[in-house]
Amino acid sequence: MIQLGNKIELEGFEDIEPAAQIIVRKMIGTLARKIEETKGAYEKLKINKTATTVSMKAEYAGNQIEGSAEHNNLFFAISGAFQQLLQ
């Protein structure tokens, strides 16, 4: 598991190459700020990657929102899952 700050947890991202990890971290940081701007401050954001699927869960006080997307390109899968969280 990779921890970004104290509110974001990444699981399954340990096996991607270091250059892609840097891009993923920056992308998730930017998109997490968009979630806070539109949905409010979250307590925890958990992102899980399996072979071609990325699933996300944002936990708020007493409730949570979830999203997931499947794509062969990791960056498109991350973007698709975030779009579901923003709906």
C-alpha atoms as a PDB file:
ATOM      1  CA  MET A   1       0.000   0.000   0.000  1.00  0.00           C
ATOM      2  CA  ILE A   2       1.161   3.513  -0.840  1.00  0.00           C
ATOM      3  CA  GLN A   3       0.071   6.381   1.410  1.00  0.00           C
ATOM      4  CA  LEU A   4      -0.265   9.893  -0.056  1.00  0.00           C
ATOM      5  CA  GLY A   5      -0.490  12.278   2.846  1.00  0.00           C
ATOM      6  CA  ASN A   6      -2.743  11.067   5.624  1.00  0.00           C
ATOM      7  CA  LYS A   7      -6.021  10.941   3.652  1.00  0.00           C
ATOM      8  CA  ILE A   8      -5.223   8.993   0.441  1.00  0.00           C
ATOM      9  CA  GLU A   9      -4.393   5.268   0.245  1.00  0.00           C
ATOM     10  CA  LEU A  10      -3.330   3.489  -2.954  1.00  0.00           C
ATOM     11  CA  GLU A  11      -3.477  -0.301  -3.169  1.00  0.00           C
ATOM     12  CA  GLY A  12      -2.169  -2.341  -6.076  1.00  0.00           C
ATOM     13  CA  PHE A  13       0.009   0.447  -7.473  1.00  0.00           C
ATOM     14  CA  GLU A  14       3.288  -0.965  -6.158  1.00  0.00           C
ATOM     15  CA  ASP A  15       3.916  -3.019  -9.317  1.00  0.00           C
ATOM     16  CA  ILE A  16       3.804  -0.171 -11.861  1.00  0.00           C
ATOM     17  CA  GLU A  17       7.020   1.417 -13.060  1.00  0.00           C
ATOM     18  CA  PRO A  18       8.452   4.356 -11.081  1.00  0.00           C
ATOM     19  CA  ALA A  19       7.862   6.933 -13.854  1.00  0.00           C
ATOM     20  CA  ALA A  20       4.190   5.926 -14.087  1.00  0.00           C
ATOM     21  CA  GLN A  21       3.904   6.050 -10.267  1.00  0.00           C
ATOM     22  CA  ILE A  22       4.952   9.693 -10.303  1.00  0.00           C
ATOM     23  CA  ILE A  23       2.293  10.528 -12.897  1.00  0.00           C
ATOM     24  CA  VAL A  24      -0.355   8.549 -10.971  1.00  0.00           C
ATOM     25  CA  ARG A  25       0.469  10.375  -7.721  1.00  0.00           C
ATOM     26  CA  LYS A  26       0.228  13.804  -9.338  1.00  0.00           C
ATOM     27  CA  MET A  27      -2.957  12.860 -11.206  1.00  0.00           C
ATOM     28  CA  ILE A  28      -4.644  11.533  -8.069  1.00  0.00           C
ATOM     29  CA  GLY A  29      -3.596  14.586  -6.054  1.00  0.00           C
ATOM     30  CA  THR A  30      -5.125  16.917  -8.637  1.00  0.00           C
ATOM     31  CA  LEU A  31      -8.318  14.907  -8.955  1.00  0.00           C
ATOM     32  CA  ALA A  32      -8.646  14.586  -5.157  1.00  0.00           C
ATOM     33  CA  ARG A  33      -8.621  18.388  -4.909  1.00  0.00           C
ATOM     34  CA  LYS A  34     -11.470  18.478  -7.456  1.00  0.00           C
ATOM     35  CA  ILE A  35     -13.462  16.080  -5.285  1.00  0.00           C
ATOM     36  CA  GLU A  36     -12.989  18.350  -2.258  1.00  0.00           C
ATOM     37  CA  GLU A  37     -14.030  21.392  -4.288  1.00  0.00           C
ATOM     38  CA  THR A  38     -17.239  19.778  -5.551  1.00  0.00           C
ATOM     39  CA  LYS A  39     -18.255  17.305  -2.811  1.00  0.00           C
ATOM     40  CA  GLY A  40     -16.593  18.801   0.268  1.00  0.00           C
ATOM     41  CA  ALA A  41     -13.724  17.622   2.446  1.00  0.00           C
ATOM     42  CA  TYR A  42     -13.425  13.860   2.717  1.00  0.00           C
ATOM     43  CA  GLU A  43     -11.938  11.897   5.603  1.00  0.00           C
ATOM     44  CA  LYS A  44     -10.312   9.133   3.539  1.00  0.00           C
ATOM     45  CA  LEU A  45      -9.884   8.346  -0.163  1.00  0.00           C
ATOM     46  CA  LYS A  46      -9.085   4.713  -0.951  1.00  0.00           C
ATOM     47  CA  ILE A  47      -8.019   3.722  -4.462  1.00  0.00           C
ATOM     48  CA  ASN A  48      -7.581   0.076  -5.436  1.00  0.00           C
ATOM     49  CA  LYS A  49      -6.080  -1.162  -8.717  1.00  0.00           C
ATOM     50  CA  THR A  50      -6.448  -4.662 -10.080  1.00  0.00           C
ATOM     51  CA  ALA A  51      -5.401  -5.822 -13.554  1.00  0.00           C
ATOM     52  CA  THR A  52      -7.447  -3.334 -15.625  1.00  0.00           C
ATOM     53  CA  THR A  53      -9.895  -2.001 -13.028  1.00  0.00           C
ATOM     54  CA  VAL A  54      -9.557   0.987 -10.722  1.00  0.00           C
ATOM     55  CA  SER A  55     -12.052   1.384  -7.886  1.00  0.00           C
ATOM     56  CA  MET A  56     -12.289   4.332  -5.517  1.00  0.00           C
ATOM     57  CA  LYS A  57     -14.090   5.087  -2.293  1.00  0.00           C
ATOM     58  CA  ALA A  58     -14.319   8.508  -0.649  1.00  0.00           C
ATOM     59  CA  GLU A  59     -15.434   8.407   2.978  1.00  0.00           C
ATOM     60  CA  TYR A  60     -17.236  11.346   4.540  1.00  0.00           C
ATOM     61  CA  ALA A  61     -18.687  11.736   8.030  1.00  0.00           C
ATOM     62  CA  GLY A  62     -21.229   8.934   8.118  1.00  0.00           C
ATOM     63  CA  ASN A  63     -21.414   8.140   4.398  1.00  0.00           C
ATOM     64  CA  GLN A  64     -19.315   7.269   1.368  1.00  0.00           C
ATOM     65  CA  ILE A  65     -19.310   7.493  -2.406  1.00  0.00           C
ATOM     66  CA  GLU A  66     -17.820   4.900  -4.732  1.00  0.00           C
ATOM     67  CA  GLY A  67     -16.770   4.652  -8.336  1.00  0.00           C
ATOM     68  CA  SER A  68     -14.924   2.219 -10.553  1.00  0.00           C
ATOM     69  CA  ALA A  69     -13.808   1.976 -14.157  1.00  0.00           C
ATOM     70  CA  GLU A  70     -12.189  -0.645 -16.330  1.00  0.00           C
ATOM     71  CA  HIS A  71      -9.766   0.220 -19.121  1.00  0.00           C
ATOM     72  CA  ASN A  72      -6.516  -1.180 -20.508  1.00  0.00           C
ATOM     73  CA  ASN A  73      -4.882   2.226 -19.986  1.00  0.00           C
ATOM     74  CA  LEU A  74      -4.357   2.903 -16.255  1.00  0.00           C
ATOM     75  CA  PHE A  75      -4.729   6.671 -16.637  1.00  0.00           C
ATOM     76  CA  PHE A  76      -8.084   6.350 -18.417  1.00  0.00           C
ATOM     77  CA  ALA A  77      -9.283   3.943 -15.700  1.00  0.00           C
ATOM     78  CA  ILE A  78      -8.316   6.424 -12.961  1.00  0.00           C
ATOM     79  CA  SER A  79     -10.054   9.266 -14.783  1.00  0.00           C
ATOM     80  CA  GLY A  80     -13.203   7.197 -15.351  1.00  0.00           C
ATOM     81  CA  ALA A  81     -13.453   6.175 -11.704  1.00  0.00           C
ATOM     82  CA  PHE A  82     -13.037   9.799 -10.570  1.00  0.00           C
ATOM     83  CA  GLN A  83     -15.792  10.883 -12.946  1.00  0.00           C
ATOM     84  CA  GLN A  84     -18.143   8.446 -11.209  1.00  0.00           C
ATOM     85  CA  LEU A  85     -17.221   9.923  -7.821  1.00  0.00           C
ATOM     86  CA  LEU A  86     -18.032  13.413  -9.051  1.00  0.00           C
ATOM     87  CA  GLN A  87     -21.547  12.511 -10.264  1.00  0.00           C
END
